[in-house]
């Protein structure tokens, strides 16, 4: 009787212990699924979208309306460009010319002449002669060829009594510049000019380009006779009231001892060289200005 009466109490006690054991173990069961899912969630948030690099590497072509708003240099050209043929020569002095100038040098008056002689084979001769009274000053002569980029000097010389007294040689094939007045050679920059050809080269550049504004600049490498090679930078100054209608260019100083150099060009005459002044013509400098075409 006693065991029979204790059986319900033992059954209730066992059921209670089982419930307590299940309750305290319940929080451990979902811990593994949560821990396994956390890394996957972190990767999805940190990784960049896979499609972005492909889109950035090849931008979409602009629409027709967008292309019309782009500058011509940036607008896409759907058709291949036609062959334009050989470029037109930059130098527009096609015919032989001779300019006569008045000369003022070291406080004395004289005359000068600039002779331009292009040849049928593409070569040229450019020669400046000067005279004060009965005295003939050394002549400057530039020999070379013409190209789409303008003048390509090959030899510049200071001449006296019909012969070369000093010379500068432009070896375009070797890319070297040599001088009779000093040993050795220098690297030859592209487009380099001599002490005479730069004048017509600059005139050709002015004639081929658009109308510039005051402050516009042009750069030309110029080689002298005594081993010097400098980059000359010319700047367009305000219109000269004393000589209206001409383009007045002034070279930036080359150093504290630079005497200064100024040139005037006439746009009505194909930007031909009208006037040139180097230093003070009343002292050791000179100035020439056009007397007749």
Protein backbone atom coordinates (compact mmCIF):
# COMPACT_ATOMS: atom_id res chain seq x y z
CA UNK A 1 0.00 0.00 0.00
CA UNK A 2 2.76 2.32 0.79
CA UNK A 3 4.54 1.75 -2.58
CA UNK A 4 1.25 2.08 -4.41
CA UNK A 5 0.65 5.41 -2.73
CA UNK A 6 4.18 6.65 -3.51
CA UNK A 7 4.03 5.86 -7.25
CA UNK A 8 2.11 9.07 -8.25
CA UNK A 9 4.47 11.22 -6.22
CA UNK A 10 7.54 9.67 -7.86
CA UNK A 11 6.01 10.11 -11.31
CA UNK A 12 5.36 13.79 -10.65
CA UNK A 13 8.89 14.30 -9.34
CA UNK A 14 10.45 12.71 -12.45
CA UNK A 15 8.31 14.80 -14.78
CA UNK A 16 9.32 17.95 -12.93
CA UNK A 17 13.04 17.10 -13.19
CA UNK A 18 12.72 16.42 -16.91
CA UNK A 19 11.05 19.75 -17.52
CA UNK A 20 13.78 21.56 -15.57
CA UNK A 21 16.51 19.82 -17.57
CA UNK A 22 14.85 20.78 -20.91
CA UNK A 23 14.38 24.42 -19.82
CA UNK A 24 18.06 25.00 -18.91
CA UNK A 25 19.38 23.33 -22.10
CA UNK A 26 17.01 25.15 -24.45
CA UNK A 27 19.21 28.33 -24.94
CA UNK A 28 22.16 26.22 -26.19
CA UNK A 29 20.25 24.69 -29.10
CA UNK A 30 19.88 27.75 -31.41
CA UNK A 31 23.45 28.98 -30.68
CA UNK A 32 25.07 27.00 -33.55
CA UNK A 33 22.76 28.24 -36.35
CA UNK A 34 23.23 31.90 -35.25
CA UNK A 35 27.04 31.59 -35.04
CA UNK A 36 27.17 29.97 -38.50
CA UNK A 37 25.03 32.67 -40.11
CA UNK A 38 26.99 35.67 -38.72
CA UNK A 39 30.08 35.38 -41.00
CA UNK A 40 27.93 35.08 -44.11
CA UNK A 41 26.07 38.28 -43.20
CA UNK A 42 29.36 40.12 -42.61
CA UNK A 43 30.78 39.10 -46.03
CA UNK A 44 27.71 40.27 -47.90
CA UNK A 45 27.92 43.73 -46.32
CA UNK A 46 31.66 44.30 -46.96
CA UNK A 47 32.12 42.88 -50.45
CA UNK A 48 31.71 45.40 -53.36
CA UNK A 49 29.06 44.67 -55.99
CA UNK A 50 30.51 42.43 -58.67
CA UNK A 51 28.96 44.42 -61.55
CA UNK A 52 30.61 47.77 -60.78
CA UNK A 53 34.08 47.18 -62.35
CA UNK A 54 32.59 46.07 -65.66
CA UNK A 55 30.42 49.18 -65.88
CA UNK A 56 33.26 51.56 -64.96
CA UNK A 57 35.68 50.02 -67.46
CA UNK A 58 33.50 50.75 -70.52
CA UNK A 59 31.33 53.87 -70.25
CA UNK A 60 28.28 54.06 -72.39
CA UNK A 61 28.51 56.13 -75.57
CA UNK A 62 26.87 59.57 -75.32
CA UNK A 63 23.51 60.08 -76.92
CA UNK A 64 23.13 62.30 -79.99
CA UNK A 65 21.94 65.20 -77.82
CA UNK A 66 24.92 64.80 -75.49
CA UNK A 67 27.36 64.63 -78.41
CA UNK A 68 26.02 67.88 -79.81
CA UNK A 69 26.81 69.58 -76.49
CA UNK A 70 30.41 68.28 -76.43
CA UNK A 71 33.26 70.33 -77.90
CA UNK A 72 34.22 69.23 -81.40
CA UNK A 73 37.54 67.84 -80.13
CA UNK A 74 35.70 65.55 -77.70
CA UNK A 75 32.69 64.57 -79.79
CA UNK A 76 32.92 61.01 -81.11
CA UNK A 77 33.25 60.61 -84.86
CA UNK A 78 31.21 57.60 -86.06
CA UNK A 79 32.85 57.59 -89.51
CA UNK A 80 36.56 57.12 -90.29
CA UNK A 81 38.37 60.33 -91.19
CA UNK A 82 39.22 60.80 -94.83
CA UNK A 83 42.88 61.07 -95.80
CA UNK A 84 43.58 64.84 -95.88
CA UNK A 85 46.71 64.36 -97.99
CA UNK A 86 50.01 66.12 -97.27
CA UNK A 87 49.71 69.05 -94.85
CA UNK A 88 49.86 72.52 -96.36
CA UNK A 89 53.19 74.32 -95.87
CA UNK A 90 53.16 76.62 -92.92
CA UNK A 91 55.38 79.11 -94.71
CA UNK A 92 53.32 81.10 -97.21
CA UNK A 93 56.13 83.01 -98.91
CA UNK A 94 55.85 80.93 -102.06
CA UNK A 95 57.46 83.41 -104.43
CA UNK A 96 60.87 84.98 -104.28
CA UNK A 97 60.82 88.29 -102.43
CA UNK A 98 63.17 91.04 -101.46
CA UNK A 99 62.46 93.62 -98.77
CA UNK A 100 64.39 96.86 -98.53
CA UNK A 101 64.81 98.55 -95.15
CA UNK A 102 66.14 101.69 -93.62
CA UNK A 103 68.91 100.98 -91.12
CA UNK A 104 69.93 102.74 -87.94
CA UNK A 105 72.95 101.19 -86.24
CA UNK A 106 75.29 102.59 -83.58
CA UNK A 107 73.93 106.09 -84.22
CA UNK A 108 74.50 105.92 -88.00
CA UNK A 109 72.04 105.66 -90.89
CA UNK A 110 72.22 103.09 -93.62
CA UNK A 111 70.20 100.58 -95.61
CA UNK A 112 69.49 96.88 -95.45
CA UNK A 113 67.99 94.23 -97.70
CA UNK A 114 66.37 90.88 -96.87
CA UNK A 115 66.31 88.44 -99.79
CA UNK A 116 64.11 85.35 -99.72
CA UNK A 117 64.83 82.81 -102.50
CA UNK A 118 62.83 79.56 -102.38
CA UNK A 119 63.82 76.85 -104.85
CA UNK A 120 61.73 74.39 -106.81
CA UNK A 121 63.33 71.45 -105.01
CA UNK A 122 62.12 72.72 -101.61
CA UNK A 123 65.34 74.39 -100.56
CA UNK A 124 65.75 78.06 -99.72
CA UNK A 125 68.29 80.84 -99.34
CA UNK A 126 67.64 83.71 -96.94
CA UNK A 127 70.16 86.56 -96.85
CA UNK A 128 70.37 89.87 -94.96
CA UNK A 129 72.81 92.51 -96.17
CA UNK A 130 73.55 95.88 -94.55
CA UNK A 131 75.44 98.96 -95.57
CA UNK A 132 76.29 102.22 -93.80
CA UNK A 133 77.55 104.80 -96.28
CA UNK A 134 80.28 103.10 -98.31
CA UNK A 135 80.94 100.46 -95.67
CA UNK A 136 79.43 97.01 -96.17
CA UNK A 137 78.71 95.15 -92.94
CA UNK A 138 79.01 91.36 -92.64
CA UNK A 139 76.03 89.61 -94.23
CA UNK A 140 73.87 86.96 -92.57
CA UNK A 141 72.86 83.93 -94.62
CA UNK A 142 70.58 81.01 -93.81
CA UNK A 143 70.49 77.92 -96.02
CA UNK A 144 68.08 75.01 -95.61
CA UNK A 145 64.85 73.53 -96.79
CA UNK A 146 61.14 74.08 -96.37
CA UNK A 147 58.77 71.69 -94.63
CA UNK A 148 55.13 71.65 -93.52
CA UNK A 149 56.38 73.01 -90.18
CA UNK A 150 58.14 75.96 -91.82
CA UNK A 151 61.84 76.63 -92.26
CA UNK A 152 64.39 73.91 -91.54
CA UNK A 153 67.82 75.61 -91.41
CA UNK A 154 70.89 73.56 -92.24
CA UNK A 155 73.62 76.20 -92.16
CA UNK A 156 73.79 79.76 -90.88
CA UNK A 157 76.84 81.87 -91.60
CA UNK A 158 78.31 85.31 -91.07
CA UNK A 159 79.82 86.29 -94.39
CA UNK A 160 82.51 88.80 -95.26
CA UNK A 161 84.13 89.38 -98.66
CA UNK A 162 82.14 86.55 -100.18
CA UNK A 163 83.23 83.88 -97.70
CA UNK A 164 81.96 82.42 -94.43
CA UNK A 165 83.64 83.96 -91.43
CA UNK A 166 81.66 81.99 -88.85
CA UNK A 167 79.02 79.29 -89.26
CA UNK A 168 76.48 77.20 -87.38
CA UNK A 169 75.60 73.76 -88.80
CA UNK A 170 72.30 71.94 -88.18
CA UNK A 171 72.71 68.17 -88.59
CA UNK A 172 69.08 67.06 -88.60
CA UNK A 173 69.84 63.39 -89.21
CA UNK A 174 72.16 63.15 -86.22
CA UNK A 175 70.16 65.65 -84.15
CA UNK A 176 73.28 67.70 -83.43
CA UNK A 177 74.20 71.37 -83.62
CA UNK A 178 77.83 72.41 -84.20
CA UNK A 179 79.67 75.74 -84.40
CA UNK A 180 82.82 76.85 -86.17
CA UNK A 181 83.60 79.17 -83.25
CA UNK A 182 83.83 76.39 -80.64
CA UNK A 183 84.50 72.64 -80.46
CA UNK A 184 81.90 70.05 -79.61
CA UNK A 185 78.20 69.99 -80.39
CA UNK A 186 74.79 70.38 -78.77
CA UNK A 187 71.51 68.50 -78.98
CA UNK A 188 69.36 69.95 -81.74
CA UNK A 189 65.76 70.66 -80.63
CA UNK A 190 62.90 70.13 -83.06
CA UNK A 191 62.02 73.28 -84.96
CA UNK A 192 65.23 75.10 -83.99
CA UNK A 193 66.01 78.22 -86.04
CA UNK A 194 69.08 80.37 -86.66
CA UNK A 195 69.63 84.06 -86.02
CA UNK A 196 67.95 84.99 -89.30
CA UNK A 197 65.42 82.28 -90.12
CA UNK A 198 63.49 82.80 -86.88
CA UNK A 199 62.13 86.08 -88.28
CA UNK A 200 60.36 84.47 -91.24
CA UNK A 201 59.46 81.41 -89.18
CA UNK A 202 57.67 83.59 -86.67
CA UNK A 203 55.94 85.48 -89.49
CA UNK A 204 54.70 82.15 -90.88
CA UNK A 205 53.41 81.07 -87.47
CA UNK A 206 51.51 84.34 -87.09
CA UNK A 207 50.05 84.06 -90.58
CA UNK A 208 48.89 80.48 -90.07
CA UNK A 209 47.24 81.00 -86.68
CA UNK A 210 44.14 82.87 -85.49
CA UNK A 211 44.22 86.48 -84.44
CA UNK A 212 45.87 86.48 -80.99
CA UNK A 213 45.11 88.65 -77.99
CA UNK A 214 47.67 90.82 -76.20
CA UNK A 215 49.77 88.61 -73.97
CA UNK A 216 49.82 85.66 -76.39
CA UNK A 217 53.20 83.95 -76.56
CA UNK A 218 55.30 82.04 -79.08
CA UNK A 219 58.38 79.95 -78.31
CA UNK A 220 61.23 79.38 -80.78
CA UNK A 221 64.61 77.74 -80.19
CA UNK A 222 67.33 79.90 -81.77
CA UNK A 223 70.99 79.05 -82.29
CA UNK A 224 73.66 81.74 -82.59
CA UNK A 225 77.17 81.75 -83.98
CA UNK A 226 79.24 81.46 -80.80
CA UNK A 227 77.85 78.24 -79.41
CA UNK A 228 74.69 79.58 -77.81
CA UNK A 229 71.29 77.90 -78.04
CA UNK A 230 68.38 79.57 -76.26
CA UNK A 231 64.63 79.38 -76.26
CA UNK A 232 63.21 82.73 -77.29
CA UNK A 233 59.77 83.56 -75.93
CA UNK A 234 57.90 86.33 -77.72
CA UNK A 235 54.86 88.07 -76.32
CA UNK A 236 52.29 90.15 -78.19
CA UNK A 237 52.12 93.61 -76.65
CA UNK A 238 49.35 96.19 -76.86
CA UNK A 239 48.83 97.89 -80.21
CA UNK A 240 51.55 100.42 -80.92
CA UNK A 241 49.92 103.83 -81.42
CA UNK A 242 52.96 105.00 -83.39
CA UNK A 243 52.59 102.13 -85.89
CA UNK A 244 48.87 101.22 -85.96
CA UNK A 245 47.78 97.98 -87.59
CA UNK A 246 51.01 96.09 -86.95
CA UNK A 247 51.55 93.20 -84.58
CA UNK A 248 54.25 94.14 -82.09
CA UNK A 249 56.10 91.24 -80.44
CA UNK A 250 58.69 91.60 -77.71
CA UNK A 251 61.13 88.91 -76.66
CA UNK A 252 61.25 88.14 -72.98
CA UNK A 253 64.65 89.01 -71.43
CA UNK A 254 67.27 86.30 -71.68
CA UNK A 255 69.20 87.65 -68.70
CA UNK A 256 70.45 90.83 -67.04
CA UNK A 257 72.75 91.63 -70.02
CA UNK A 258 70.11 91.06 -72.68
CA UNK A 259 69.85 94.17 -74.92
CA UNK A 260 66.26 93.32 -75.82
CA UNK A 261 64.62 92.37 -79.10
CA UNK A 262 61.36 93.57 -80.68
CA UNK A 263 59.73 92.75 -84.02
CA UNK A 264 56.74 94.14 -85.94
CA UNK A 265 54.67 92.21 -88.49
CA UNK A 266 52.02 93.41 -90.94
CA UNK A 267 48.89 91.20 -91.10
CA UNK A 268 47.80 93.07 -94.25
CA UNK A 269 50.91 91.72 -96.02
CA UNK A 270 50.76 88.13 -94.88
CA UNK A 271 52.45 89.09 -91.60
CA UNK A 272 55.60 90.01 -93.44
CA UNK A 273 58.54 91.34 -91.39
CA UNK A 274 58.20 95.14 -91.23
CA UNK A 275 60.47 96.25 -88.42
CA UNK A 276 63.15 94.77 -86.18
CA UNK A 277 64.98 96.39 -83.28
CA UNK A 278 67.73 94.88 -81.18
CA UNK A 279 69.15 96.89 -78.31
CA UNK A 280 69.64 100.64 -78.57
CA UNK A 281 70.25 101.70 -82.20
CA UNK A 282 71.95 104.87 -80.97
CA UNK A 283 74.64 102.87 -79.21
CA UNK A 284 75.60 99.26 -80.01
CA UNK A 285 72.22 98.07 -81.23
CA UNK A 286 70.46 98.36 -84.56
CA UNK A 287 67.00 98.88 -86.02
CA UNK A 288 65.63 98.24 -89.52
CA UNK A 289 62.18 99.21 -90.82
CA UNK A 290 60.57 98.52 -94.17
CA UNK A 291 61.13 101.10 -96.84
CA UNK A 292 59.41 99.44 -99.80
CA UNK A 293 57.90 96.01 -100.49
